[in-house]
C-alpha atoms as a PDB file:
ATOM      1  CA  MET A   1     -41.698 -38.762 -36.328  1.00  0.00           C
ATOM      2  CA  PHE A   2     -38.349 -40.066 -35.059  1.00  0.00           C
ATOM      3  CA  PHE A   3     -36.467 -37.599 -37.236  1.00  0.00           C
ATOM      4  CA  ALA A   4     -38.589 -34.678 -36.038  1.00  0.00           C
ATOM      5  CA  VAL A   5     -37.842 -35.518 -32.411  1.00  0.00           C
ATOM      6  CA  LYS A   6     -34.143 -36.021 -33.192  1.00  0.00           C
ATOM      7  CA  TRP A   7     -33.988 -32.715 -35.073  1.00  0.00           C
ATOM      8  CA  HIS A   8     -35.446 -30.825 -32.099  1.00  0.00           C
ATOM      9  CA  TYR A   9     -33.140 -32.644 -29.689  1.00  0.00           C
ATOM     10  CA  ASP A  10     -30.059 -31.860 -31.783  1.00  0.00           C
ATOM     11  CA  LYS A  11     -31.140 -28.240 -32.195  1.00  0.00           C
ATOM     12  CA  ASP A  12     -31.496 -27.861 -28.418  1.00  0.00           C
ATOM     13  CA  ARG A  13     -28.063 -29.385 -27.797  1.00  0.00           C
ATOM     14  CA  LYS A  14     -26.453 -26.958 -30.250  1.00  0.00           C
ATOM     15  CA  ALA A  15     -28.168 -24.033 -28.536  1.00  0.00           C
ATOM     16  CA  GLN A  16     -26.938 -25.184 -25.129  1.00  0.00           C
ATOM     17  CA  LYS A  17     -23.394 -25.626 -26.434  1.00  0.00           C
ATOM     18  CA  ALA A  18     -23.447 -22.137 -27.931  1.00  0.00           C
ATOM     19  CA  GLY A  19     -24.672 -20.721 -24.631  1.00  0.00           C
ATOM     20  CA  VAL A  20     -21.889 -22.409 -22.696  1.00  0.00           C
ATOM     21  CA  LEU A  21     -19.242 -21.206 -25.154  1.00  0.00           C
ATOM     22  CA  SER A  22     -20.617 -17.680 -24.946  1.00  0.00           C
ATOM     23  CA  ALA A  23     -20.499 -17.721 -21.140  1.00  0.00           C
ATOM     24  CA  VAL A  24     -16.940 -19.076 -21.106  1.00  0.00           C
ATOM     25  CA  GLY A  25     -15.868 -16.405 -23.568  1.00  0.00           C
ATOM     26  CA  LYS A  26     -17.385 -13.644 -21.447  1.00  0.00           C
ATOM     27  CA  ILE A  27     -15.701 -14.938 -18.292  1.00  0.00           C
ATOM     28  CA  ALA A  28     -12.339 -15.187 -20.066  1.00  0.00           C
ATOM     29  CA  ALA A  29     -12.688 -11.635 -21.394  1.00  0.00           C
ATOM     30  CA  ILE A  30     -13.540 -10.293 -17.944  1.00  0.00           C
ATOM     31  CA  LEU A  31     -10.538 -12.048 -16.418  1.00  0.00           C
ATOM     32  CA  MET A  32      -8.203 -10.690 -19.107  1.00  0.00           C
ATOM     33  CA  ILE A  33      -9.475  -7.178 -18.425  1.00  0.00           C
ATOM     34  CA  LEU A  34      -9.140  -7.536 -14.646  1.00  0.00           C
ATOM     35  CA  LEU A  35      -5.659  -9.096 -14.721  1.00  0.00           C
ATOM     36  CA  PRO A  36      -3.732  -5.879 -15.506  1.00  0.00           C
ATOM     37  CA  ALA A  37      -5.770  -3.997 -12.895  1.00  0.00           C
ATOM     38  CA  LEU A  38      -4.940  -6.623 -10.280  1.00  0.00           C
ATOM     39  CA  LEU A  39      -1.252  -6.537 -11.193  1.00  0.00           C
ATOM     40  CA  TYR A  40      -1.200  -2.751 -10.997  1.00  0.00           C
ATOM     41  CA  ALA A  41      -2.917  -2.786  -7.604  1.00  0.00           C
ATOM     42  CA  THR A  42      -0.507  -5.433  -6.315  1.00  0.00           C
ATOM     43  CA  PHE A  43       2.611  -3.554  -7.393  1.00  0.00           C
ATOM     44  CA  THR A  44       1.223  -0.258  -6.105  1.00  0.00           C
ATOM     45  CA  LEU A  45       0.516  -1.799  -2.709  1.00  0.00           C
ATOM     46  CA  ALA A  46       3.944  -3.419  -2.618  1.00  0.00           C
ATOM     47  CA  ARG A  47       5.622  -0.105  -3.494  1.00  0.00           C
ATOM     48  CA  THR A  48       3.554   1.645  -0.804  1.00  0.00           C
ATOM     49  CA  LEU A  49       4.709  -0.895   1.757  1.00  0.00           C
ATOM     50  CA  GLY A  50       8.315  -0.313   0.762  1.00  0.00           C
ATOM     51  CA  LEU A  51       9.012  -3.646  -0.880  1.00  0.00           C
ATOM     52  CA  ASP A  52      11.813  -3.817  -3.449  1.00  0.00           C
ATOM     53  CA  LEU A  53      10.439  -5.401  -6.630  1.00  0.00           C
ATOM     54  CA  THR A  54      13.398  -4.795  -8.932  1.00  0.00           C
ATOM     55  CA  LEU A  55      14.854  -7.765 -10.741  1.00  0.00           C
ATOM     56  CA  PRO A  56      18.424  -8.705  -9.902  1.00  0.00           C
ATOM     57  CA  GLY A  57      20.762  -8.208 -12.781  1.00  0.00           C
END
C-alpha cells in the first residue's frame, strides 16, 4: 500500500513540475515575441520626438 501511495504522489509531483515548466516556457516565448515590438515602438517614439539615437563613432 505504501508503494501505491508513493507512486501516486510522485506521479502528481511530475505532473505539477511539467505544468510549471510549460507555463514558464509560454511566458518566455511571449516575452521574446514582444521584445522586438517594444524596441520598435520605443525607437519610433524617440524618432518622432526628435531624439538622436545614432551611435557616436
